[in-house]
Amino acid sequence: MNKLTKVGCSALCGSLAAISAAHAGDLSVTGGAHVTYVSLDDDTTGNPIGMASAVTFKGSGELDNGWTYAMTIAEGDAHAYSATNVDIVMGGLGSLNFNGGNSGNGIAAYDNVMPTAWEEPHGAGLSGGVKTVLGVGSSDNVQYSLPKFLGTEIKVAYAFDQGTSDTADKATKQSNTSTNEGYDATIKINPSLGTEILSGLNLYAGGSVITVADGASSGAEDKYEGVGAITYALGPVEIGYMVSGLYSGAKTGVHTYKNTGFGVAFNVNDDLSVSYGEYDSRKAAGEDSDGMGGPQDRMVEVTSFQVAYTMGGASFRIADVKADNILFSAGDNKGATIVSMGLAF
């Protein structure tokens, strides 16, 4: 009798193992290496060579009801933890994304969607200290995406405490800042109406509200951010224009910024592309350190010409960047040439 019991248990365990194997998810690993050479115009360059590497782990699976799930863990340079997100796709109910603060959700995803051969003008190696919208993107947040309909994507994101990120499971975390919860909403529309001439047109818009925490400094107000953009691709050419703005909620100092951006990219062929981009960030309202209001003449202007060439898993990029009034300091102008090689594996 005991022998039969053992046989039955073995058979049951074998069946459970088979069921588990049938529903097991997949795990993949991707990565890349990045080498750059930077030459600064009219300034001391020092060591111009820089290197970085990154590894991303992605697991995915499917539930019995057809819903799918995926988890992504990203490591930055030198094996440094970057961020984690968990995505649950619920078919006709839309999808949920739990994000550890990698700026992939909310209006941060639309902070600059201009066409480019490689990077944003201010992201190739000489930022100039421009202001960009961020919303809840840099914090632990949850985002709900409605099912796509008529070329329209609508998403809403929520952060319980804007400013916190990478909170461990079964733990809590406080930002220790004046901010509290945050709300983002974005929309992307591709109004093609079934026509080919409009298939390359995309409209973007988004807004964010970050509330003031209890006990915040006197006079602090809720923080507001907004962004809008339009891009259009026709054949090998894509152009775009964007505007964004933010109000920090502070009663002293400069509290309002307005940004504009422009980009045009041309795909010479499947491997070679070129682009030109601009990004301007202006102090719109507030006071400078000397107490004078309305610093309308303080605007950071960044322009960049870029060329990118892809050869299998290798990418070679060159960017020529100019930045005027860096960190809103009048007359602080610099230029740089960046040569980049990226290897994917």
Protein backbone atom coordinates (compact mmCIF):
# COMPACT_ATOMS: atom_id res chain seq x y z
CA MET A 1 0.00 0.00 0.00
CA ASN A 2 2.83 2.35 0.86
CA LYS A 3 4.48 1.51 -2.45
CA LEU A 4 1.32 2.38 -4.37
CA THR A 5 1.13 5.69 -2.49
CA LYS A 6 4.65 6.59 -3.50
CA VAL A 7 3.95 5.73 -7.12
CA GLY A 8 0.83 7.91 -7.06
CA CYS A 9 2.74 10.85 -5.60
CA SER A 10 5.47 10.49 -8.19
CA ALA A 11 2.94 10.46 -10.96
CA LEU A 12 1.21 13.54 -9.53
CA CYS A 13 4.49 15.41 -9.17
CA GLY A 14 5.37 14.51 -12.74
CA SER A 15 2.05 15.91 -13.94
CA LEU A 16 2.53 19.14 -11.99
CA ALA A 17 6.00 19.51 -13.42
CA ALA A 18 4.61 19.08 -16.90
CA ILE A 19 1.92 21.69 -16.25
CA SER A 20 4.51 24.07 -14.81
CA ALA A 21 6.77 23.60 -17.81
CA ALA A 22 3.88 24.23 -20.17
CA HIS A 23 3.17 27.60 -18.55
CA ALA A 24 6.75 28.62 -17.79
CA GLY A 25 7.85 32.01 -19.04
CA ASP A 26 10.90 32.94 -21.06
CA LEU A 27 13.96 34.88 -19.91
CA SER A 28 16.26 36.71 -22.30
CA VAL A 29 19.33 38.86 -21.84
CA THR A 30 20.42 41.70 -24.13
CA GLY A 31 23.16 44.22 -23.74
CA GLY A 32 25.42 46.71 -25.36
CA ALA A 33 28.72 48.55 -25.15
CA HIS A 34 29.22 52.22 -25.96
CA VAL A 35 32.47 54.05 -26.71
CA THR A 36 32.65 57.80 -27.32
CA TYR A 37 35.26 60.36 -28.31
CA VAL A 38 34.47 63.97 -27.33
CA SER A 39 36.27 67.08 -28.53
CA LEU A 40 35.35 70.41 -26.92
CA ASP A 41 35.66 73.60 -28.95
CA ASP A 42 37.79 76.35 -27.36
CA ASP A 43 37.94 74.47 -24.08
CA THR A 44 40.11 71.90 -22.33
CA THR A 45 39.10 68.43 -23.44
CA GLY A 46 41.33 66.27 -21.25
CA ASN A 47 40.76 62.55 -21.79
CA PRO A 48 38.29 62.39 -24.69
CA ILE A 49 37.49 58.66 -24.55
CA GLY A 50 34.51 57.40 -22.58
CA MET A 51 32.95 53.96 -22.25
CA ALA A 52 29.72 52.53 -20.90
CA SER A 53 27.94 49.20 -20.90
CA ALA A 54 24.45 47.99 -20.08
CA VAL A 55 22.63 44.69 -19.64
CA THR A 56 18.87 44.14 -19.69
CA PHE A 57 17.04 41.05 -18.44
CA LYS A 58 13.52 40.46 -19.75
CA GLY A 59 11.13 37.74 -18.69
CA SER A 60 7.70 37.07 -20.20
CA GLY A 61 4.85 34.64 -19.88
CA GLU A 62 1.14 34.06 -20.48
CA LEU A 63 -1.81 33.34 -18.19
CA ASP A 64 -4.55 30.81 -18.83
CA ASN A 65 -6.97 33.57 -19.86
CA GLY A 66 -4.64 34.85 -22.58
CA TRP A 67 -3.26 37.82 -20.65
CA THR A 68 0.50 38.26 -21.01
CA TYR A 69 3.04 39.64 -18.58
CA ALA A 70 6.62 40.81 -18.84
CA MET A 71 9.28 42.02 -16.45
CA THR A 72 12.31 44.08 -17.41
CA ILE A 73 15.34 44.68 -15.21
CA ALA A 74 17.85 47.16 -16.60
CA GLU A 75 21.43 47.52 -15.43
CA GLY A 76 23.40 50.64 -16.20
CA ASP A 77 27.13 51.07 -16.47
CA ALA A 78 29.46 49.11 -14.16
CA HIS A 79 26.67 46.68 -13.18
CA ALA A 80 24.72 49.46 -11.49
CA TYR A 81 21.02 48.79 -11.05
CA SER A 82 18.93 51.11 -13.20
CA ALA A 83 15.21 50.30 -13.05
CA THR A 84 12.56 47.60 -13.15
CA ASN A 85 9.13 47.53 -14.72
CA VAL A 86 6.37 44.94 -14.84
CA ASP A 87 3.88 45.04 -17.71
CA ILE A 88 0.54 43.21 -17.74
CA VAL A 89 -1.37 43.18 -21.03
CA MET A 90 -5.06 42.42 -20.42
CA GLY A 91 -6.37 42.07 -23.95
CA GLY A 92 -9.42 44.27 -24.54
CA LEU A 93 -9.08 45.76 -21.04
CA GLY A 94 -5.84 47.55 -21.86
CA SER A 95 -2.58 47.16 -19.96
CA LEU A 96 -0.95 48.01 -16.63
CA ASN A 97 2.68 48.94 -16.13
CA PHE A 98 4.41 49.11 -12.75
CA ASN A 99 7.53 51.20 -13.19
CA GLY A 100 10.51 51.76 -10.91
CA GLY A 101 11.22 55.25 -12.20
CA ASN A 102 13.11 54.93 -15.48
CA SER A 103 11.30 57.89 -17.11
CA GLY A 104 9.37 55.60 -19.42
CA ASN A 105 5.86 56.51 -18.24
CA GLY A 106 3.76 59.66 -18.12
CA ILE A 107 4.74 62.83 -19.95
CA ALA A 108 8.43 61.93 -19.60
CA ALA A 109 7.89 59.58 -22.53
CA TYR A 110 6.94 62.59 -24.69
CA ASP A 111 9.45 65.14 -23.37
CA ASN A 112 11.13 65.23 -26.81
CA VAL A 113 9.82 63.02 -29.62
CA MET A 114 11.51 64.96 -32.42
CA PRO A 115 13.02 62.90 -35.26
CA THR A 116 16.77 62.42 -34.95
CA ALA A 117 19.51 60.24 -36.41
CA TRP A 118 20.88 59.44 -32.94
CA GLU A 119 20.06 61.51 -29.85
CA GLU A 120 18.13 64.58 -28.80
CA PRO A 121 20.17 67.75 -29.48
CA HIS A 122 20.85 68.15 -25.75
CA GLY A 123 21.46 64.43 -25.20
CA ALA A 124 24.48 63.78 -27.40
CA GLY A 125 27.07 65.03 -24.93
CA LEU A 126 26.58 68.77 -24.35
CA SER A 127 23.24 69.35 -22.63
CA GLY A 128 23.50 73.06 -21.90
CA GLY A 129 21.40 72.58 -18.78
CA VAL A 130 18.04 72.75 -20.56
CA LYS A 131 14.77 72.16 -18.70
CA THR A 132 12.56 69.24 -19.72
CA VAL A 133 9.23 67.94 -18.43
CA LEU A 134 9.34 64.84 -16.25
CA GLY A 135 6.05 64.40 -14.39
CA VAL A 136 5.84 61.15 -12.45
CA GLY A 137 8.30 59.46 -14.81
CA SER A 138 11.25 59.54 -12.41
CA SER A 139 9.26 58.00 -9.54
CA ASP A 140 7.77 54.63 -8.68
CA ASN A 141 4.48 54.75 -10.57
CA VAL A 142 1.72 52.71 -12.14
CA GLN A 143 0.39 53.48 -15.62
CA TYR A 144 -2.82 52.30 -17.25
CA SER A 145 -3.06 52.28 -21.05
CA LEU A 146 -6.44 52.09 -22.74
CA PRO A 147 -6.75 49.77 -25.73
CA LYS A 148 -5.67 51.55 -28.89
CA PHE A 149 -8.64 52.69 -30.99
CA LEU A 150 -8.87 54.68 -34.23
CA GLY A 151 -5.14 55.35 -34.09
CA THR A 152 -5.39 56.86 -30.60
CA GLU A 153 -3.39 55.87 -27.50
CA ILE A 154 -4.45 57.25 -24.10
CA LYS A 155 -2.47 56.62 -20.93
CA VAL A 156 -2.74 57.77 -17.32
CA ALA A 157 0.02 57.40 -14.72
CA TYR A 158 -0.01 57.82 -10.95
CA ALA A 159 2.77 58.13 -8.37
CA PHE A 160 1.93 57.85 -4.68
CA ASP A 161 4.92 60.01 -3.69
CA GLN A 162 6.60 61.83 -6.56
CA GLY A 163 10.35 61.81 -6.02
CA THR A 164 10.74 58.24 -4.76
CA SER A 165 12.06 55.41 -6.92
CA ASP A 166 13.32 51.83 -6.68
CA THR A 167 11.41 50.92 -3.55
CA ALA A 168 11.99 47.30 -2.51
CA ASP A 169 9.08 44.88 -2.14
CA LYS A 170 7.29 44.83 1.22
CA ALA A 171 8.79 48.27 1.93
CA THR A 172 7.78 51.92 1.86
CA LYS A 173 9.76 55.00 0.97
CA GLN A 174 9.38 58.76 1.41
CA SER A 175 10.80 61.37 -0.93
CA ASN A 176 11.50 63.83 1.92
CA THR A 177 10.65 66.68 -0.43
CA SER A 178 7.77 69.14 -0.72
CA THR A 179 6.02 66.97 -3.32
CA ASN A 180 3.32 64.39 -2.70
CA GLU A 181 1.29 62.35 -5.19
CA GLY A 182 1.41 62.99 -8.93
CA TYR A 183 -0.91 62.48 -11.87
CA ASP A 184 0.03 62.32 -15.57
CA ALA A 185 -2.15 61.90 -18.65
CA THR A 186 -0.95 61.56 -22.24
CA ILE A 187 -2.50 61.05 -25.65
CA LYS A 188 -1.00 60.12 -29.00
CA ILE A 189 -3.10 60.30 -32.17
CA ASN A 190 -2.30 58.92 -35.59
CA PRO A 191 -5.21 60.37 -37.63
CA SER A 192 -4.46 58.44 -40.80
CA LEU A 193 -8.17 57.82 -41.54
CA GLY A 194 -7.05 54.92 -43.68
CA THR A 195 -5.06 57.16 -46.03
CA GLU A 196 -1.39 56.72 -46.83
CA ILE A 197 -0.65 60.45 -46.96
CA LEU A 198 -1.65 60.82 -43.26
CA SER A 199 -0.18 57.54 -42.01
CA GLY A 200 3.05 59.31 -41.01
CA LEU A 201 1.30 62.05 -39.00
CA ASN A 202 1.43 61.82 -35.19
CA LEU A 203 0.05 64.24 -32.60
CA TYR A 204 1.21 64.17 -28.97
CA ALA A 205 -0.08 65.91 -25.84
CA GLY A 206 0.36 65.41 -22.13
CA GLY A 207 -0.08 67.09 -18.77
CA SER A 208 1.10 66.51 -15.21
CA VAL A 209 0.13 67.72 -11.74
CA ILE A 210 2.35 67.12 -8.71
CA THR A 211 0.63 68.01 -5.44
CA VAL A 212 2.23 69.71 -2.47
CA ALA A 213 3.00 67.53 0.52
CA ASP A 214 1.61 68.25 3.98
CA GLY A 215 4.02 70.45 5.89
CA ALA A 216 5.66 71.86 2.76
CA SER A 217 7.37 75.22 2.98
CA SER A 218 5.10 78.24 3.15
CA GLY A 219 3.93 79.46 -0.22
CA ALA A 220 4.72 76.29 -2.15
CA GLU A 221 2.08 75.39 -4.71
CA ASP A 222 1.26 72.39 -6.87
CA LYS A 223 3.64 71.76 -9.74
CA TYR A 224 2.31 71.74 -13.32
CA GLU A 225 3.92 70.48 -16.53
CA GLY A 226 2.65 70.14 -20.08
CA VAL A 227 3.90 69.08 -23.51
CA GLY A 228 2.58 69.04 -27.07
CA ALA A 229 4.22 67.87 -30.30
CA ILE A 230 3.57 67.04 -33.93
CA THR A 231 5.68 64.84 -36.22
CA TYR A 232 5.19 63.92 -39.84
CA ALA A 233 7.02 61.32 -41.92
CA LEU A 234 6.74 61.07 -45.69
CA GLY A 235 9.03 58.64 -47.42
CA PRO A 236 12.61 59.05 -46.13
CA VAL A 237 11.96 62.46 -44.51
CA GLU A 238 10.50 63.15 -41.05
CA ILE A 239 9.99 66.54 -39.43
CA GLY A 240 8.65 67.61 -36.05
CA TYR A 241 7.93 70.53 -33.74
CA MET A 242 7.24 70.58 -29.99
CA VAL A 243 6.49 72.91 -27.11
CA SER A 244 6.57 72.24 -23.38
CA GLY A 245 6.44 74.16 -20.15
CA LEU A 246 6.68 73.71 -16.42
CA TYR A 247 5.75 75.63 -13.28
CA SER A 248 7.75 74.51 -10.26
CA GLY A 249 5.30 75.83 -7.66
CA ALA A 250 8.03 77.88 -5.95
CA LYS A 251 7.23 81.42 -4.85
CA THR A 252 10.85 82.60 -4.96
CA GLY A 253 13.47 82.31 -7.65
CA VAL A 254 12.70 81.38 -11.24
CA HIS A 255 9.66 79.11 -11.26
CA THR A 256 8.45 78.91 -14.87
CA TYR A 257 10.19 77.63 -18.00
CA LYS A 258 9.06 77.35 -21.61
CA ASN A 259 10.69 75.07 -24.16
CA THR A 260 10.51 74.65 -27.93
CA GLY A 261 12.10 72.05 -30.15
CA PHE A 262 12.44 71.29 -33.82
CA GLY A 263 13.86 68.32 -35.72
CA VAL A 264 14.24 67.01 -39.24
CA ALA A 265 15.74 63.66 -40.21
CA PHE A 266 16.51 62.07 -43.56
CA ASN A 267 17.03 58.34 -44.08
CA VAL A 268 19.49 58.13 -46.96
CA ASN A 269 19.05 54.34 -47.00
CA ASP A 270 18.35 51.52 -44.54
CA ASP A 271 21.73 52.04 -42.85
CA LEU A 272 22.55 55.75 -43.14
CA SER A 273 20.58 58.70 -41.69
CA VAL A 274 21.27 62.38 -41.02
CA SER A 275 19.42 64.93 -38.88
CA TYR A 276 19.35 68.47 -37.57
CA GLY A 277 17.70 69.45 -34.30
CA GLU A 278 17.15 72.46 -32.06
CA TYR A 279 16.03 72.76 -28.45
CA ASP A 280 15.48 76.09 -26.66
CA SER A 281 14.72 76.44 -22.96
CA ARG A 282 13.69 79.88 -21.68
CA LYS A 283 13.22 81.31 -18.21
CA ALA A 284 9.67 82.58 -18.49
CA ALA A 285 8.83 83.99 -15.04
CA GLY A 286 10.37 84.49 -11.66
CA GLU A 287 13.39 86.22 -10.19
CA ASP A 288 17.10 85.91 -10.74
CA SER A 289 19.49 85.70 -7.82
CA ASP A 290 19.69 89.50 -7.81
CA GLY A 291 15.93 89.76 -7.21
CA MET A 292 15.18 91.20 -10.63
CA GLY A 293 12.07 89.77 -12.23
CA GLY A 294 11.34 88.70 -15.78
CA PRO A 295 14.65 87.26 -17.03
CA GLN A 296 13.27 86.92 -20.56
CA ASP A 297 16.73 87.21 -22.14
CA ARG A 298 18.02 84.07 -20.44
CA MET A 299 17.51 81.23 -22.87
CA VAL A 300 19.59 78.11 -23.41
CA GLU A 301 19.84 77.27 -27.11
CA VAL A 302 21.16 73.89 -28.25
CA THR A 303 21.58 72.84 -31.88
CA SER A 304 22.95 69.59 -33.26
CA PHE A 305 23.85 68.07 -36.62
CA GLN A 306 24.03 64.27 -36.50
CA VAL A 307 24.96 61.37 -38.77
CA ALA A 308 24.36 57.70 -37.95
CA TYR A 309 25.40 54.55 -39.79
CA THR A 310 24.42 51.01 -38.83
CA MET A 311 26.33 47.88 -39.77
CA GLY A 312 24.69 44.79 -38.32
CA GLY A 313 24.96 45.02 -34.54
CA ALA A 314 27.29 48.01 -34.68
CA SER A 315 26.27 51.67 -34.92
CA PHE A 316 28.55 54.61 -35.64
CA ARG A 317 27.36 58.16 -34.86
CA ILE A 318 28.78 61.66 -35.14
CA ALA A 319 27.17 64.72 -33.54
CA ASP A 320 28.23 68.36 -33.77
CA VAL A 321 26.59 70.24 -30.88
CA LYS A 322 26.46 73.96 -30.06
CA ALA A 323 25.06 75.28 -26.77
CA ASP A 324 24.55 78.98 -26.00
CA ASN A 325 23.90 80.51 -22.56
CA ILE A 326 24.68 77.25 -20.77
CA LEU A 327 22.81 76.90 -17.45
CA PHE A 328 21.08 80.20 -18.37
CA SER A 329 24.34 82.08 -17.95
CA ALA A 330 24.50 84.82 -20.61
CA GLY A 331 27.45 84.48 -22.96
CA ASP A 332 28.53 81.04 -21.75
CA ASN A 333 28.68 79.37 -25.15
CA LYS A 334 30.35 76.06 -25.98
CA GLY A 335 30.61 73.55 -28.78
CA ALA A 336 31.53 69.89 -29.00
CA THR A 337 32.01 67.12 -31.52
CA ILE A 338 31.06 63.64 -30.36
CA VAL A 339 31.99 60.41 -32.13
CA SER A 340 30.16 57.32 -30.90
CA MET A 341 30.35 53.59 -31.48
CA GLY A 342 27.64 51.30 -30.10
CA LEU A 343 27.77 47.50 -30.07
CA ALA A 344 24.65 45.43 -29.38
CA PHE A 345 24.59 41.80 -28.30
